[in-house]
Amino acid sequence: MTMSRETAETTGLKAVAWLAGNEELLPVFLGATGASEADFRAGLEDPAFQGSVLDFILMDDAWITGFCDAAGLRYDAPMQARAALPGGEAVHWT
């Protein structure tokens, strides 16, 4: 199933909000990306930034389930949202 861009951005914004409220995981994201807290706040509405947050969350099953459980989303929603945001297109190597 393909997610609309609007729904993907809403899911991305929920992911950003969830990560912002996670005191243990937010510093890991900031350290891994080199983003500052000001960068984080500035990127809230940016679909490309939302995609980077989803990329980060998608790295660990526990993060996916934690986010989805908190947001009331299906476990495949972050992957579908990431695919619909900038940079999330499937890569074809042939």
C-alpha atoms as a PDB file:
ATOM      1  CA  MET A   1       0.000   0.000   0.000  1.00  0.00           C
ATOM      2  CA  THR A   2       1.323   3.460  -0.910  1.00  0.00           C
ATOM      3  CA  MET A   3       1.071   6.245   1.657  1.00  0.00           C
ATOM      4  CA  SER A   4       0.117   9.743   0.531  1.00  0.00           C
ATOM      5  CA  ARG A   5       2.677  12.507   0.916  1.00  0.00           C
ATOM      6  CA  GLU A   6       0.402  14.317   3.407  1.00  0.00           C
ATOM      7  CA  THR A   7       0.020  11.217   5.576  1.00  0.00           C
ATOM      8  CA  ALA A   8       3.767  10.559   5.330  1.00  0.00           C
ATOM      9  CA  GLU A   9       4.545  14.089   6.533  1.00  0.00           C
ATOM     10  CA  THR A  10       2.101  13.683   9.419  1.00  0.00           C
ATOM     11  CA  THR A  11       3.780  10.401  10.356  1.00  0.00           C
ATOM     12  CA  GLY A  12       7.180  12.075  10.032  1.00  0.00           C
ATOM     13  CA  LEU A  13       6.105  14.902  12.316  1.00  0.00           C
ATOM     14  CA  LYS A  14       4.842  12.367  14.856  1.00  0.00           C
ATOM     15  CA  ALA A  15       8.225  10.622  14.663  1.00  0.00           C
ATOM     16  CA  VAL A  16      10.049  13.897  15.297  1.00  0.00           C
ATOM     17  CA  ALA A  17       7.781  14.636  18.271  1.00  0.00           C
ATOM     18  CA  TRP A  18       8.279  11.140  19.667  1.00  0.00           C
ATOM     19  CA  LEU A  19      12.043  11.391  19.329  1.00  0.00           C
ATOM     20  CA  ALA A  20      12.071  14.862  20.926  1.00  0.00           C
ATOM     21  CA  GLY A  21      10.287  13.431  23.957  1.00  0.00           C
ATOM     22  CA  ASN A  22      12.630  10.466  24.287  1.00  0.00           C
ATOM     23  CA  GLU A  23      15.354  11.640  26.670  1.00  0.00           C
ATOM     24  CA  GLU A  24      17.497   8.543  26.119  1.00  0.00           C
ATOM     25  CA  LEU A  25      17.277   8.326  22.323  1.00  0.00           C
ATOM     26  CA  LEU A  26      17.380  12.010  21.318  1.00  0.00           C
ATOM     27  CA  PRO A  27      21.056  12.428  22.320  1.00  0.00           C
ATOM     28  CA  VAL A  28      21.900   9.289  20.318  1.00  0.00           C
ATOM     29  CA  PHE A  29      20.230  10.800  17.239  1.00  0.00           C
ATOM     30  CA  LEU A  30      21.963  14.145  17.724  1.00  0.00           C
ATOM     31  CA  GLY A  31      25.327  12.448  18.189  1.00  0.00           C
ATOM     32  CA  ALA A  32      24.886  10.162  15.198  1.00  0.00           C
ATOM     33  CA  THR A  33      23.773  12.935  12.849  1.00  0.00           C
ATOM     34  CA  GLY A  34      25.826  15.836  14.177  1.00  0.00           C
ATOM     35  CA  ALA A  35      22.637  17.901  14.441  1.00  0.00           C
ATOM     36  CA  SER A  36      22.269  20.388  17.261  1.00  0.00           C
ATOM     37  CA  GLU A  37      19.101  20.931  19.266  1.00  0.00           C
ATOM     38  CA  ALA A  38      18.582  24.141  17.238  1.00  0.00           C
ATOM     39  CA  ASP A  39      18.893  22.126  14.008  1.00  0.00           C
ATOM     40  CA  PHE A  40      16.389  19.658  15.396  1.00  0.00           C
ATOM     41  CA  ARG A  41      13.857  22.404  16.167  1.00  0.00           C
ATOM     42  CA  ALA A  42      14.435  24.066  12.794  1.00  0.00           C
ATOM     43  CA  GLY A  43      13.778  20.792  10.944  1.00  0.00           C
ATOM     44  CA  LEU A  44      10.415  19.979  12.473  1.00  0.00           C
ATOM     45  CA  GLU A  45       8.377  20.892   9.387  1.00  0.00           C
ATOM     46  CA  ASP A  46      11.005  19.833   6.811  1.00  0.00           C
ATOM     47  CA  PRO A  47      10.002  16.573   5.061  1.00  0.00           C
ATOM     48  CA  ALA A  48      13.661  15.738   4.361  1.00  0.00           C
ATOM     49  CA  PHE A  49      14.478  16.096   8.082  1.00  0.00           C
ATOM     50  CA  GLN A  50      11.430  14.017   8.982  1.00  0.00           C
ATOM     51  CA  GLY A  51      12.786  11.381   6.615  1.00  0.00           C
ATOM     52  CA  SER A  52      16.123  11.391   8.422  1.00  0.00           C
ATOM     53  CA  VAL A  53      14.337  10.861  11.730  1.00  0.00           C
ATOM     54  CA  LEU A  54      12.396   7.964  10.223  1.00  0.00           C
ATOM     55  CA  ASP A  55      15.652   6.521   8.823  1.00  0.00           C
ATOM     56  CA  PHE A  56      17.077   6.628  12.337  1.00  0.00           C
ATOM     57  CA  ILE A  57      14.022   5.027  13.965  1.00  0.00           C
ATOM     58  CA  LEU A  58      13.974   2.309  11.294  1.00  0.00           C
ATOM     59  CA  MET A  59      17.449   1.174  12.395  1.00  0.00           C
ATOM     60  CA  ASP A  60      16.106  -0.697  15.432  1.00  0.00           C
ATOM     61  CA  ASP A  61      12.995  -2.842  15.863  1.00  0.00           C
ATOM     62  CA  ALA A  62      12.560  -1.669  19.456  1.00  0.00           C
ATOM     63  CA  TRP A  63      12.520   1.966  18.305  1.00  0.00           C
ATOM     64  CA  ILE A  64       9.961   1.149  15.623  1.00  0.00           C
ATOM     65  CA  THR A  65       7.646  -0.611  18.037  1.00  0.00           C
ATOM     66  CA  GLY A  66       8.097   2.088  20.692  1.00  0.00           C
ATOM     67  CA  PHE A  67       7.236   4.850  18.236  1.00  0.00           C
ATOM     68  CA  CYS A  68       4.325   2.999  16.641  1.00  0.00           C
ATOM     69  CA  ASP A  69       2.850   1.948  19.979  1.00  0.00           C
ATOM     70  CA  ALA A  70       3.065   5.518  21.278  1.00  0.00           C
ATOM     71  CA  ALA A  71       1.590   7.000  18.088  1.00  0.00           C
ATOM     72  CA  GLY A  72      -1.061   4.320  17.563  1.00  0.00           C
ATOM     73  CA  LEU A  73       0.373   3.345  14.167  1.00  0.00           C
ATOM     74  CA  ARG A  74       0.847   0.024  12.396  1.00  0.00           C
ATOM     75  CA  TYR A  75       4.420  -1.239  12.532  1.00  0.00           C
ATOM     76  CA  ASP A  76       4.866  -0.780   8.785  1.00  0.00           C
ATOM     77  CA  ALA A  77       3.809   2.903   8.865  1.00  0.00           C
ATOM     78  CA  PRO A  78       7.329   4.331   9.403  1.00  0.00           C
ATOM     79  CA  MET A  79       8.665   2.391   6.410  1.00  0.00           C
ATOM     80  CA  GLN A  80       5.749   3.493   4.216  1.00  0.00           C
ATOM     81  CA  ALA A  81       6.128   7.109   5.343  1.00  0.00           C
ATOM     82  CA  ARG A  82       9.872   7.033   4.669  1.00  0.00           C
ATOM     83  CA  ALA A  83       9.272   5.768   1.144  1.00  0.00           C
ATOM     84  CA  ALA A  84       6.897   8.678   0.451  1.00  0.00           C
ATOM     85  CA  LEU A  85       9.229  11.412   1.743  1.00  0.00           C
ATOM     86  CA  PRO A  86      12.186  12.966  -0.138  1.00  0.00           C
ATOM     87  CA  GLY A  87      15.075  10.532  -0.497  1.00  0.00           C
ATOM     88  CA  GLY A  88      12.968   7.514   0.343  1.00  0.00           C
ATOM     89  CA  GLU A  89      12.554   6.218  -3.178  1.00  0.00           C
ATOM     90  CA  ALA A  90      13.563   2.631  -3.804  1.00  0.00           C
ATOM     91  CA  VAL A  91      17.051   2.330  -5.265  1.00  0.00           C
ATOM     92  CA  HIS A  92      17.346   0.153  -8.357  1.00  0.00           C
ATOM     93  CA  TRP A  93      20.915  -0.947  -8.984  1.00  0.00           C
ATOM     94  CA  THR A  94      20.312  -2.400 -12.447  1.00  0.00           C
END
